[in-house]
């Protein structure tokens, strides 16, 4: 009977650990998207027209470029779908994105904490059963 319970707990523990790892990956992705959106928002709020900026081209390299206008700019709204928006609308769009990503990150972190607690509880029960089995021998 204890063997069946132990086996069941170990299978459940492996599933919980896999789910925890999936949530941790999601947390990392959402954190990156949130950081990127905040940086874009900061850049939009600070950049004025007709000034020099550094544009990343990859590999840690940048080119100097001159901003010729920020009145209207393309904003990615989906998978390779861009819509031209006014600067104010782009800022509003990014603020909404930051709000949504912040909420999503909070939800993921709460779920991570819950899964972590369930993992600890399951490990505790596995250890208890193993200790009882050792005592019987």
C-alpha atoms as a PDB file:
ATOM      1  CA  UNK A   1       0.000   0.000   0.000  1.00  0.00           C
ATOM      2  CA  UNK A   2       2.782   2.433   0.956  1.00  0.00           C
ATOM      3  CA  UNK A   3       4.645   1.468  -2.226  1.00  0.00           C
ATOM      4  CA  UNK A   4       1.656   2.474  -4.369  1.00  0.00           C
ATOM      5  CA  UNK A   5       1.301   5.743  -2.500  1.00  0.00           C
ATOM      6  CA  UNK A   6       5.030   6.442  -2.824  1.00  0.00           C
ATOM      7  CA  UNK A   7       4.962   5.664  -6.525  1.00  0.00           C
ATOM      8  CA  UNK A   8       1.984   7.943  -7.025  1.00  0.00           C
ATOM      9  CA  UNK A   9       3.668  10.748  -5.081  1.00  0.00           C
ATOM     10  CA  UNK A  10       6.873  10.461  -7.108  1.00  0.00           C
ATOM     11  CA  UNK A  11       4.956  10.642 -10.392  1.00  0.00           C
ATOM     12  CA  UNK A  12       3.017  13.654  -9.100  1.00  0.00           C
ATOM     13  CA  UNK A  13       6.253  15.276  -7.927  1.00  0.00           C
ATOM     14  CA  UNK A  14       7.821  14.902 -11.372  1.00  0.00           C
ATOM     15  CA  UNK A  15       4.740  16.483 -12.953  1.00  0.00           C
ATOM     16  CA  UNK A  16       4.821  19.371 -10.484  1.00  0.00           C
ATOM     17  CA  UNK A  17       8.514  19.953 -11.142  1.00  0.00           C
ATOM     18  CA  UNK A  18       7.937  19.957 -14.912  1.00  0.00           C
ATOM     19  CA  UNK A  19       5.093  22.449 -14.491  1.00  0.00           C
ATOM     20  CA  UNK A  20       7.257  24.607 -12.209  1.00  0.00           C
ATOM     21  CA  UNK A  21       9.991  24.674 -14.865  1.00  0.00           C
ATOM     22  CA  UNK A  22       7.445  25.632 -17.524  1.00  0.00           C
ATOM     23  CA  UNK A  23       6.159  28.468 -15.319  1.00  0.00           C
ATOM     24  CA  UNK A  24       9.727  29.636 -14.656  1.00  0.00           C
ATOM     25  CA  UNK A  25      10.342  29.775 -18.420  1.00  0.00           C
ATOM     26  CA  UNK A  26       7.141  31.761 -18.888  1.00  0.00           C
ATOM     27  CA  UNK A  27       8.189  34.106 -16.099  1.00  0.00           C
ATOM     28  CA  UNK A  28      11.482  34.729 -17.860  1.00  0.00           C
ATOM     29  CA  UNK A  29       9.780  35.442 -21.194  1.00  0.00           C
ATOM     30  CA  UNK A  30       7.223  37.787 -19.665  1.00  0.00           C
ATOM     31  CA  UNK A  31       9.918  39.574 -17.640  1.00  0.00           C
ATOM     32  CA  UNK A  32      11.910  40.143 -20.832  1.00  0.00           C
ATOM     33  CA  UNK A  33       8.876  41.449 -22.703  1.00  0.00           C
ATOM     34  CA  UNK A  34       8.016  43.723 -19.771  1.00  0.00           C
ATOM     35  CA  UNK A  35      11.534  45.134 -19.635  1.00  0.00           C
ATOM     36  CA  UNK A  36      11.530  45.697 -23.394  1.00  0.00           C
ATOM     37  CA  UNK A  37       8.150  47.463 -23.254  1.00  0.00           C
ATOM     38  CA  UNK A  38       9.240  49.678 -20.363  1.00  0.00           C
ATOM     39  CA  UNK A  39      12.421  50.622 -22.205  1.00  0.00           C
ATOM     40  CA  UNK A  40      10.437  51.444 -25.348  1.00  0.00           C
ATOM     41  CA  UNK A  41       8.046  53.561 -23.294  1.00  0.00           C
ATOM     42  CA  UNK A  42      10.937  55.414 -21.689  1.00  0.00           C
ATOM     43  CA  UNK A  43      12.541  55.987 -25.091  1.00  0.00           C
ATOM     44  CA  UNK A  44       9.302  57.279 -26.599  1.00  0.00           C
ATOM     45  CA  UNK A  45       8.763  59.642 -23.698  1.00  0.00           C
ATOM     46  CA  UNK A  46      12.285  61.055 -23.935  1.00  0.00           C
ATOM     47  CA  UNK A  47      13.079  61.201 -27.647  1.00  0.00           C
ATOM     48  CA  UNK A  48      12.403  64.385 -29.557  1.00  0.00           C
ATOM     49  CA  UNK A  49      12.582  64.885 -33.284  1.00  0.00           C
ATOM     50  CA  UNK A  50      15.836  65.908 -34.985  1.00  0.00           C
ATOM     51  CA  UNK A  51      18.267  64.428 -32.458  1.00  0.00           C
ATOM     52  CA  UNK A  52      20.982  61.798 -32.732  1.00  0.00           C
ATOM     53  CA  UNK A  53      20.373  58.333 -31.276  1.00  0.00           C
ATOM     54  CA  UNK A  54      22.216  55.016 -31.216  1.00  0.00           C
ATOM     55  CA  UNK A  55      20.419  52.189 -32.985  1.00  0.00           C
ATOM     56  CA  UNK A  56      21.393  48.611 -32.076  1.00  0.00           C
ATOM     57  CA  UNK A  57      22.235  46.486 -35.111  1.00  0.00           C
ATOM     58  CA  UNK A  58      23.162  43.301 -33.217  1.00  0.00           C
ATOM     59  CA  UNK A  59      26.299  41.785 -31.773  1.00  0.00           C
ATOM     60  CA  UNK A  60      26.666  44.687 -29.349  1.00  0.00           C
ATOM     61  CA  UNK A  61      27.156  47.133 -32.238  1.00  0.00           C
ATOM     62  CA  UNK A  62      25.283  50.359 -32.823  1.00  0.00           C
ATOM     63  CA  UNK A  63      25.013  52.941 -35.570  1.00  0.00           C
ATOM     64  CA  UNK A  64      24.421  56.598 -35.086  1.00  0.00           C
ATOM     65  CA  UNK A  65      21.180  57.789 -36.588  1.00  0.00           C
ATOM     66  CA  UNK A  66      19.170  60.961 -36.653  1.00  0.00           C
ATOM     67  CA  UNK A  67      15.526  60.929 -35.610  1.00  0.00           C
ATOM     68  CA  UNK A  68      13.603  62.719 -38.316  1.00  0.00           C
ATOM     69  CA  UNK A  69      10.216  62.550 -36.692  1.00  0.00           C
ATOM     70  CA  UNK A  70       8.274  60.841 -33.962  1.00  0.00           C
ATOM     71  CA  UNK A  71       4.827  62.127 -34.827  1.00  0.00           C
ATOM     72  CA  UNK A  72       3.772  58.772 -36.304  1.00  0.00           C
ATOM     73  CA  UNK A  73       5.474  55.439 -35.839  1.00  0.00           C
ATOM     74  CA  UNK A  74       4.869  51.788 -36.664  1.00  0.00           C
ATOM     75  CA  UNK A  75       3.816  49.697 -33.674  1.00  0.00           C
ATOM     76  CA  UNK A  76       3.839  45.902 -33.723  1.00  0.00           C
ATOM     77  CA  UNK A  77       0.420  44.671 -32.687  1.00  0.00           C
ATOM     78  CA  UNK A  78       0.866  41.000 -33.523  1.00  0.00           C
ATOM     79  CA  UNK A  79       3.026  38.486 -35.325  1.00  0.00           C
ATOM     80  CA  UNK A  80       4.730  40.695 -37.892  1.00  0.00           C
ATOM     81  CA  UNK A  81       1.683  42.991 -38.058  1.00  0.00           C
ATOM     82  CA  UNK A  82       2.414  46.690 -37.661  1.00  0.00           C
ATOM     83  CA  UNK A  83       0.046  49.632 -37.467  1.00  0.00           C
ATOM     84  CA  UNK A  84       1.116  53.231 -37.738  1.00  0.00           C
ATOM     85  CA  UNK A  85       0.108  55.170 -34.642  1.00  0.00           C
ATOM     86  CA  UNK A  86       0.589  58.662 -33.340  1.00  0.00           C
ATOM     87  CA  UNK A  87       3.223  59.066 -30.643  1.00  0.00           C
ATOM     88  CA  UNK A  88       0.485  59.517 -28.032  1.00  0.00           C
ATOM     89  CA  UNK A  89      -1.363  56.402 -29.203  1.00  0.00           C
ATOM     90  CA  UNK A  90       1.889  54.406 -29.226  1.00  0.00           C
ATOM     91  CA  UNK A  91       2.597  55.536 -25.661  1.00  0.00           C
ATOM     92  CA  UNK A  92      -0.930  54.517 -24.596  1.00  0.00           C
ATOM     93  CA  UNK A  93      -0.506  51.184 -26.357  1.00  0.00           C
ATOM     94  CA  UNK A  94       2.787  50.548 -24.532  1.00  0.00           C
ATOM     95  CA  UNK A  95       1.316  51.605 -21.181  1.00  0.00           C
ATOM     96  CA  UNK A  96      -1.508  49.078 -21.656  1.00  0.00           C
ATOM     97  CA  UNK A  97       1.019  46.419 -22.669  1.00  0.00           C
ATOM     98  CA  UNK A  98       3.117  47.149 -19.548  1.00  0.00           C
ATOM     99  CA  UNK A  99      -0.013  46.938 -17.391  1.00  0.00           C
ATOM    100  CA  UNK A 100      -1.051  43.608 -18.936  1.00  0.00           C
ATOM    101  CA  UNK A 101       2.437  42.121 -18.700  1.00  0.00           C
ATOM    102  CA  UNK A 102       2.763  43.280 -15.076  1.00  0.00           C
ATOM    103  CA  UNK A 103      -0.499  41.550 -14.194  1.00  0.00           C
ATOM    104  CA  UNK A 104       0.553  38.419 -16.085  1.00  0.00           C
ATOM    105  CA  UNK A 105       3.910  38.373 -14.301  1.00  0.00           C
ATOM    106  CA  UNK A 106       2.185  38.689 -10.923  1.00  0.00           C
ATOM    107  CA  UNK A 107      -0.124  35.812 -11.778  1.00  0.00           C
ATOM    108  CA  UNK A 108       2.765  33.620 -12.900  1.00  0.00           C
ATOM    109  CA  UNK A 109       4.726  34.421  -9.737  1.00  0.00           C
ATOM    110  CA  UNK A 110       1.736  33.577  -7.521  1.00  0.00           C
ATOM    111  CA  UNK A 111       1.314  30.272  -9.335  1.00  0.00           C
ATOM    112  CA  UNK A 112       5.050  29.575  -8.999  1.00  0.00           C
ATOM    113  CA  UNK A 113       4.763  30.095  -5.253  1.00  0.00           C
ATOM    114  CA  UNK A 114       1.755  27.743  -5.052  1.00  0.00           C
ATOM    115  CA  UNK A 115       3.457  25.037  -7.109  1.00  0.00           C
ATOM    116  CA  UNK A 116       6.635  25.437  -5.065  1.00  0.00           C
ATOM    117  CA  UNK A 117       4.636  24.920  -1.860  1.00  0.00           C
ATOM    118  CA  UNK A 118       2.997  21.805  -3.325  1.00  0.00           C
ATOM    119  CA  UNK A 119       6.427  20.474  -4.343  1.00  0.00           C
ATOM    120  CA  UNK A 120       7.754  21.011  -0.811  1.00  0.00           C
ATOM    121  CA  UNK A 121       4.700  19.307   0.711  1.00  0.00           C
ATOM    122  CA  UNK A 122       4.959  16.356  -1.674  1.00  0.00           C
ATOM    123  CA  UNK A 123       8.683  15.975  -1.013  1.00  0.00           C
ATOM    124  CA  UNK A 124       7.957  16.062   2.697  1.00  0.00           C
ATOM    125  CA  UNK A 125       5.419  13.266   2.352  1.00  0.00           C
ATOM    126  CA  UNK A 126       7.794  11.208   0.177  1.00  0.00           C
ATOM    127  CA  UNK A 127      10.522  11.627   2.787  1.00  0.00           C
ATOM    128  CA  UNK A 128       8.120  10.651   5.577  1.00  0.00           C
ATOM    129  CA  UNK A 129       7.079   7.453   3.772  1.00  0.00           C
ATOM    130  CA  UNK A 130      10.708   6.581   3.034  1.00  0.00           C
ATOM    131  CA  UNK A 131      11.630   7.132   6.695  1.00  0.00           C
ATOM    132  CA  UNK A 132       8.764   4.849   7.798  1.00  0.00           C
ATOM    133  CA  UNK A 133       9.930   2.177   5.368  1.00  0.00           C
ATOM    134  CA  UNK A 134      13.494   2.397   6.708  1.00  0.00           C
ATOM    135  CA  UNK A 135      12.226   2.056  10.277  1.00  0.00           C
ATOM    136  CA  UNK A 136      10.319  -1.135   9.400  1.00  0.00           C
ATOM    137  CA  UNK A 137      13.424  -2.840   8.021  1.00  0.00           C
END
